[in-house]
N, C-alpha and C. Protein backbone atom coordinates (compact mmCIF):
# COMPACT_ATOMS: atom_id res chain seq x y z
N MET A 1 -12.04 64.28 51.61
CA MET A 1 -10.82 64.65 50.95
C MET A 1 -9.74 63.57 51.12
N LEU A 2 -9.81 62.84 52.23
CA LEU A 2 -8.78 61.84 52.48
C LEU A 2 -9.20 60.44 52.05
N ARG A 3 -10.32 60.32 51.38
CA ARG A 3 -10.77 59.01 50.94
C ARG A 3 -9.87 58.46 49.84
N VAL A 4 -9.84 57.14 49.77
CA VAL A 4 -9.04 56.48 48.74
C VAL A 4 -9.92 56.21 47.54
N TYR A 5 -9.49 56.65 46.37
CA TYR A 5 -10.27 56.45 45.16
C TYR A 5 -9.65 55.43 44.22
N MET A 6 -8.45 55.00 44.49
CA MET A 6 -7.79 54.00 43.65
C MET A 6 -8.24 52.62 44.12
N ARG A 7 -8.20 51.66 43.23
CA ARG A 7 -8.60 50.30 43.57
C ARG A 7 -7.35 49.45 43.73
N TRP A 8 -7.00 49.21 44.97
CA TRP A 8 -5.81 48.44 45.30
C TRP A 8 -6.18 47.39 46.34
N ALA A 9 -5.81 46.16 46.09
CA ALA A 9 -5.95 45.13 47.11
C ALA A 9 -4.91 45.40 48.19
N ASP A 10 -5.18 44.93 49.39
CA ASP A 10 -4.21 45.11 50.46
C ASP A 10 -2.94 44.31 50.18
N ALA A 11 -3.10 43.15 49.57
CA ALA A 11 -1.93 42.34 49.20
C ALA A 11 -2.33 41.35 48.11
N ILE A 12 -1.37 41.02 47.29
CA ILE A 12 -1.52 39.94 46.31
C ILE A 12 -0.30 39.05 46.47
N VAL A 13 -0.54 37.78 46.70
CA VAL A 13 0.54 36.83 46.91
C VAL A 13 0.55 35.87 45.73
N PHE A 14 1.67 35.82 45.04
CA PHE A 14 1.81 34.97 43.86
C PHE A 14 2.53 33.69 44.26
N LEU A 15 1.79 32.61 44.35
CA LEU A 15 2.34 31.30 44.69
C LEU A 15 2.33 30.42 43.44
N PRO A 16 3.09 29.34 43.43
CA PRO A 16 3.14 28.50 42.23
C PRO A 16 1.77 27.94 41.82
N LYS A 17 0.94 27.56 42.80
CA LYS A 17 -0.33 26.91 42.46
C LYS A 17 -1.54 27.82 42.58
N GLU A 18 -1.39 28.97 43.20
CA GLU A 18 -2.52 29.89 43.32
C GLU A 18 -2.05 31.32 43.54
N THR A 19 -2.92 32.24 43.16
CA THR A 19 -2.69 33.65 43.43
C THR A 19 -3.71 34.04 44.49
N VAL A 20 -3.24 34.63 45.58
CA VAL A 20 -4.12 34.98 46.70
C VAL A 20 -4.26 36.50 46.76
N VAL A 21 -5.50 36.97 46.69
CA VAL A 21 -5.79 38.40 46.82
C VAL A 21 -6.33 38.60 48.24
N ILE A 22 -5.69 39.48 49.00
CA ILE A 22 -6.02 39.68 50.40
C ILE A 22 -6.61 41.07 50.61
N GLU A 23 -7.73 41.11 51.31
CA GLU A 23 -8.34 42.38 51.71
C GLU A 23 -8.65 42.28 53.20
N GLY A 24 -8.16 43.23 53.96
CA GLY A 24 -8.37 43.22 55.40
C GLY A 24 -9.11 44.45 55.87
N LYS A 25 -9.89 44.28 56.91
CA LYS A 25 -10.62 45.38 57.54
C LYS A 25 -10.52 45.22 59.05
N LEU A 26 -10.38 46.35 59.73
CA LEU A 26 -10.33 46.33 61.19
C LEU A 26 -11.70 46.54 61.82
N ARG A 27 -12.53 47.33 61.18
CA ARG A 27 -13.86 47.65 61.72
C ARG A 27 -14.89 46.66 61.20
N ALA A 28 -15.73 46.16 62.10
CA ALA A 28 -16.79 45.24 61.70
C ALA A 28 -17.72 45.88 60.67
N SER A 29 -17.90 47.19 60.77
CA SER A 29 -18.77 47.89 59.84
C SER A 29 -18.22 47.89 58.41
N GLU A 30 -16.98 47.49 58.22
CA GLU A 30 -16.34 47.47 56.90
C GLU A 30 -16.20 46.06 56.31
N TYR A 31 -16.55 45.03 57.07
CA TYR A 31 -16.32 43.66 56.61
C TYR A 31 -17.04 43.36 55.30
N LEU A 32 -18.30 43.77 55.18
CA LEU A 32 -19.06 43.51 53.95
C LEU A 32 -18.43 44.22 52.75
N LYS A 33 -17.93 45.40 52.99
CA LYS A 33 -17.25 46.15 51.93
C LYS A 33 -16.07 45.35 51.39
N ALA A 34 -15.36 44.68 52.27
CA ALA A 34 -14.20 43.89 51.87
C ALA A 34 -14.59 42.75 50.94
N ILE A 35 -15.75 42.15 51.16
CA ILE A 35 -16.21 41.06 50.29
C ILE A 35 -16.44 41.58 48.88
N GLY A 36 -17.10 42.73 48.76
CA GLY A 36 -17.31 43.33 47.46
C GLY A 36 -16.01 43.72 46.79
N GLU A 37 -15.08 44.24 47.56
CA GLU A 37 -13.77 44.61 47.01
C GLU A 37 -13.04 43.38 46.49
N LEU A 38 -13.09 42.28 47.25
CA LEU A 38 -12.44 41.06 46.79
C LEU A 38 -13.04 40.58 45.48
N GLU A 39 -14.35 40.64 45.35
CA GLU A 39 -14.98 40.24 44.09
C GLU A 39 -14.47 41.08 42.94
N LEU A 40 -14.38 42.38 43.14
CA LEU A 40 -13.89 43.27 42.09
C LEU A 40 -12.43 42.98 41.76
N TYR A 41 -11.59 42.89 42.77
CA TYR A 41 -10.16 42.67 42.53
C TYR A 41 -9.92 41.34 41.80
N LEU A 42 -10.65 40.31 42.17
CA LEU A 42 -10.47 39.02 41.50
C LEU A 42 -10.93 39.08 40.05
N SER A 43 -11.96 39.88 39.78
CA SER A 43 -12.42 40.01 38.39
C SER A 43 -11.43 40.83 37.55
N LEU A 44 -10.73 41.76 38.16
CA LEU A 44 -9.76 42.59 37.43
C LEU A 44 -8.41 41.91 37.24
N LEU A 45 -8.09 40.98 38.11
CA LEU A 45 -6.77 40.34 38.12
C LEU A 45 -6.35 39.76 36.76
N PRO A 46 -7.19 39.00 36.07
CA PRO A 46 -6.75 38.44 34.79
C PRO A 46 -6.51 39.49 33.70
N HIS A 47 -7.03 40.68 33.90
CA HIS A 47 -6.90 41.75 32.90
C HIS A 47 -5.80 42.75 33.24
N THR A 48 -5.02 42.45 34.25
CA THR A 48 -3.96 43.35 34.69
C THR A 48 -2.65 42.90 34.05
N ALA A 49 -2.20 43.65 33.08
CA ALA A 49 -1.03 43.26 32.29
C ALA A 49 0.22 43.05 33.13
N GLU A 50 0.39 43.84 34.17
CA GLU A 50 1.60 43.75 35.00
C GLU A 50 1.73 42.39 35.69
N TYR A 51 0.61 41.69 35.86
CA TYR A 51 0.64 40.41 36.57
C TYR A 51 0.55 39.20 35.65
N ALA A 52 0.48 39.42 34.35
CA ALA A 52 0.24 38.33 33.40
C ALA A 52 1.21 37.16 33.57
N ASN A 53 2.47 37.44 33.81
CA ASN A 53 3.48 36.37 33.93
C ASN A 53 3.53 35.75 35.32
N LEU A 54 2.82 36.34 36.27
CA LEU A 54 2.90 35.88 37.65
C LEU A 54 1.70 35.05 38.10
N LEU A 55 0.60 35.14 37.38
CA LEU A 55 -0.65 34.52 37.81
C LEU A 55 -0.60 33.00 37.75
N ALA A 56 -1.13 32.39 38.80
CA ALA A 56 -1.32 30.94 38.80
C ALA A 56 -2.67 30.64 38.14
N ASP A 57 -2.93 29.37 37.88
CA ASP A 57 -4.20 28.99 37.26
C ASP A 57 -5.39 29.29 38.16
N ARG A 58 -5.18 29.27 39.44
CA ARG A 58 -6.26 29.47 40.41
C ARG A 58 -6.03 30.76 41.18
N ALA A 59 -7.08 31.57 41.31
CA ALA A 59 -7.02 32.80 42.12
C ALA A 59 -8.06 32.69 43.23
N VAL A 60 -7.67 33.04 44.45
CA VAL A 60 -8.59 32.98 45.59
C VAL A 60 -8.56 34.31 46.34
N GLY A 61 -9.68 34.62 46.97
CA GLY A 61 -9.77 35.80 47.81
C GLY A 61 -9.64 35.41 49.26
N GLU A 62 -9.04 36.29 50.02
CA GLU A 62 -8.85 36.04 51.45
C GLU A 62 -9.28 37.28 52.22
N LEU A 63 -10.24 37.10 53.11
CA LEU A 63 -10.74 38.18 53.95
C LEU A 63 -10.02 38.11 55.29
N LEU A 64 -9.34 39.19 55.64
CA LEU A 64 -8.56 39.26 56.87
C LEU A 64 -9.29 40.17 57.85
N ILE A 65 -9.75 39.60 58.98
CA ILE A 65 -10.50 40.37 59.97
C ILE A 65 -9.98 40.04 61.37
N PRO A 66 -10.11 40.99 62.32
CA PRO A 66 -9.55 40.74 63.64
C PRO A 66 -10.47 40.00 64.61
N ARG A 67 -11.78 39.99 64.33
CA ARG A 67 -12.73 39.34 65.23
C ARG A 67 -13.71 38.48 64.43
N PRO A 68 -14.15 37.38 65.02
CA PRO A 68 -15.12 36.55 64.31
C PRO A 68 -16.43 37.30 64.05
N ASP A 69 -17.00 37.05 62.91
CA ASP A 69 -18.31 37.58 62.55
C ASP A 69 -19.00 36.49 61.75
N PRO A 70 -19.79 35.65 62.41
CA PRO A 70 -20.36 34.46 61.76
C PRO A 70 -21.11 34.77 60.47
N SER A 71 -21.90 35.83 60.43
CA SER A 71 -22.67 36.14 59.22
C SER A 71 -21.77 36.48 58.05
N VAL A 72 -20.79 37.33 58.29
CA VAL A 72 -19.87 37.74 57.22
C VAL A 72 -18.99 36.57 56.80
N GLU A 73 -18.55 35.78 57.77
CA GLU A 73 -17.71 34.63 57.44
C GLU A 73 -18.47 33.64 56.57
N LEU A 74 -19.74 33.39 56.88
CA LEU A 74 -20.55 32.48 56.08
C LEU A 74 -20.72 33.01 54.65
N LEU A 75 -21.01 34.29 54.53
CA LEU A 75 -21.17 34.90 53.22
C LEU A 75 -19.87 34.81 52.41
N ALA A 76 -18.77 35.13 53.06
CA ALA A 76 -17.47 35.08 52.37
C ALA A 76 -17.15 33.67 51.90
N ARG A 77 -17.39 32.69 52.74
CA ARG A 77 -17.09 31.30 52.36
C ARG A 77 -18.01 30.81 51.25
N ARG A 78 -19.25 31.26 51.25
CA ARG A 78 -20.16 30.91 50.15
C ARG A 78 -19.65 31.44 48.82
N LYS A 79 -18.94 32.54 48.86
CA LYS A 79 -18.38 33.13 47.64
C LYS A 79 -17.02 32.52 47.29
N GLY A 80 -16.58 31.58 48.10
CA GLY A 80 -15.32 30.90 47.83
C GLY A 80 -14.11 31.57 48.44
N PHE A 81 -14.33 32.55 49.32
CA PHE A 81 -13.22 33.26 49.95
C PHE A 81 -12.81 32.57 51.24
N ARG A 82 -11.56 32.67 51.56
CA ARG A 82 -11.07 32.21 52.86
C ARG A 82 -11.26 33.35 53.86
N VAL A 83 -11.42 32.99 55.11
CA VAL A 83 -11.50 33.99 56.17
C VAL A 83 -10.38 33.70 57.15
N VAL A 84 -9.57 34.72 57.41
CA VAL A 84 -8.44 34.57 58.32
C VAL A 84 -8.61 35.58 59.44
N LEU A 85 -8.55 35.09 60.68
CA LEU A 85 -8.61 35.99 61.84
C LEU A 85 -7.19 36.38 62.20
N TRP A 86 -6.96 37.69 62.28
CA TRP A 86 -5.64 38.22 62.62
C TRP A 86 -5.83 39.48 63.44
N ALA A 87 -5.31 39.47 64.65
CA ALA A 87 -5.43 40.62 65.54
C ALA A 87 -4.02 41.11 65.90
N PRO A 88 -3.60 42.22 65.31
CA PRO A 88 -2.28 42.75 65.64
C PRO A 88 -2.23 43.21 67.10
N PRO A 89 -1.06 43.32 67.69
CA PRO A 89 -0.95 43.67 69.10
C PRO A 89 -1.55 45.04 69.45
N TRP A 90 -1.62 45.96 68.51
CA TRP A 90 -2.13 47.30 68.77
C TRP A 90 -3.64 47.42 68.54
N LEU A 91 -4.30 46.30 68.23
CA LEU A 91 -5.72 46.34 67.86
C LEU A 91 -6.61 46.90 68.97
N SER A 92 -6.42 46.46 70.21
CA SER A 92 -7.33 46.91 71.27
C SER A 92 -7.24 48.42 71.47
N ALA A 93 -6.07 49.01 71.37
CA ALA A 93 -5.94 50.47 71.50
C ALA A 93 -6.67 51.17 70.35
N TYR A 94 -6.58 50.61 69.16
CA TYR A 94 -7.27 51.20 68.01
C TYR A 94 -8.79 51.11 68.19
N LEU A 95 -9.28 49.95 68.58
CA LEU A 95 -10.73 49.77 68.73
C LEU A 95 -11.31 50.63 69.85
N ASP A 96 -10.51 50.91 70.87
CA ASP A 96 -10.96 51.79 71.95
C ASP A 96 -11.15 53.23 71.46
N ALA A 97 -10.51 53.58 70.37
CA ALA A 97 -10.54 54.96 69.87
C ALA A 97 -11.63 55.22 68.84
N ILE A 98 -12.37 54.18 68.45
CA ILE A 98 -13.43 54.37 67.45
C ILE A 98 -14.79 54.07 68.05
N PRO A 99 -15.87 54.53 67.42
CA PRO A 99 -17.21 54.30 67.97
C PRO A 99 -17.53 52.81 68.11
N PRO A 100 -18.14 52.42 69.22
CA PRO A 100 -18.45 50.99 69.46
C PRO A 100 -19.28 50.36 68.35
N ARG A 101 -20.16 51.11 67.71
CA ARG A 101 -21.00 50.52 66.66
C ARG A 101 -20.17 50.07 65.45
N SER A 102 -18.98 50.62 65.30
CA SER A 102 -18.10 50.22 64.19
C SER A 102 -17.31 48.97 64.53
N VAL A 103 -17.31 48.61 65.80
CA VAL A 103 -16.47 47.52 66.27
C VAL A 103 -17.23 46.20 66.39
N ARG A 104 -18.49 46.27 66.82
CA ARG A 104 -19.24 45.07 67.14
C ARG A 104 -19.65 44.30 65.89
N PRO A 105 -19.25 43.04 65.79
CA PRO A 105 -19.72 42.21 64.68
C PRO A 105 -21.21 41.90 64.85
N THR A 106 -21.78 41.27 63.87
CA THR A 106 -23.18 40.88 63.95
C THR A 106 -23.37 39.83 65.03
N ARG A 107 -24.59 39.67 65.44
CA ARG A 107 -24.90 38.66 66.45
C ARG A 107 -24.84 37.27 65.82
N PRO A 108 -24.44 36.25 66.60
CA PRO A 108 -24.34 34.89 66.05
C PRO A 108 -25.66 34.40 65.45
N GLU A 109 -26.79 34.77 66.03
CA GLU A 109 -28.08 34.27 65.50
C GLU A 109 -28.37 34.81 64.10
N GLU A 110 -27.73 35.89 63.71
CA GLU A 110 -27.94 36.43 62.36
C GLU A 110 -27.38 35.49 61.30
N ALA A 111 -26.36 34.76 61.64
CA ALA A 111 -25.76 33.82 60.69
C ALA A 111 -26.75 32.71 60.34
N ALA A 112 -27.61 32.36 61.29
CA ALA A 112 -28.59 31.32 61.05
C ALA A 112 -29.62 31.73 60.01
N LEU A 113 -29.77 33.02 59.80
CA LEU A 113 -30.75 33.51 58.84
C LEU A 113 -30.24 33.43 57.40
N LEU A 114 -28.94 33.29 57.22
CA LEU A 114 -28.38 33.27 55.86
C LEU A 114 -28.54 31.93 55.18
């Protein structure tokens, strides 16, 4: 009942030379979802009338995550997305309150398989 059904990027930054679409996730189990969301948002951006006058010639996706995840970072970069590590001060309290399996990123050796 509390799920989000609308398609909204976490942020869109309109700069003179590029438009940056930002999607952030706190749980490692959600990182892959963010990559798919970025792909969708970037494909919808040119067709969004409200942004027609604001768009730069170049649009980029930015994945915002609190902990490194080599496999996801490699996949995101292959798709042309930037990966930004950002850990807010309240992150450790939040991560302590959720199941550990949602927190742990993939193992570094998994990145070698991609």
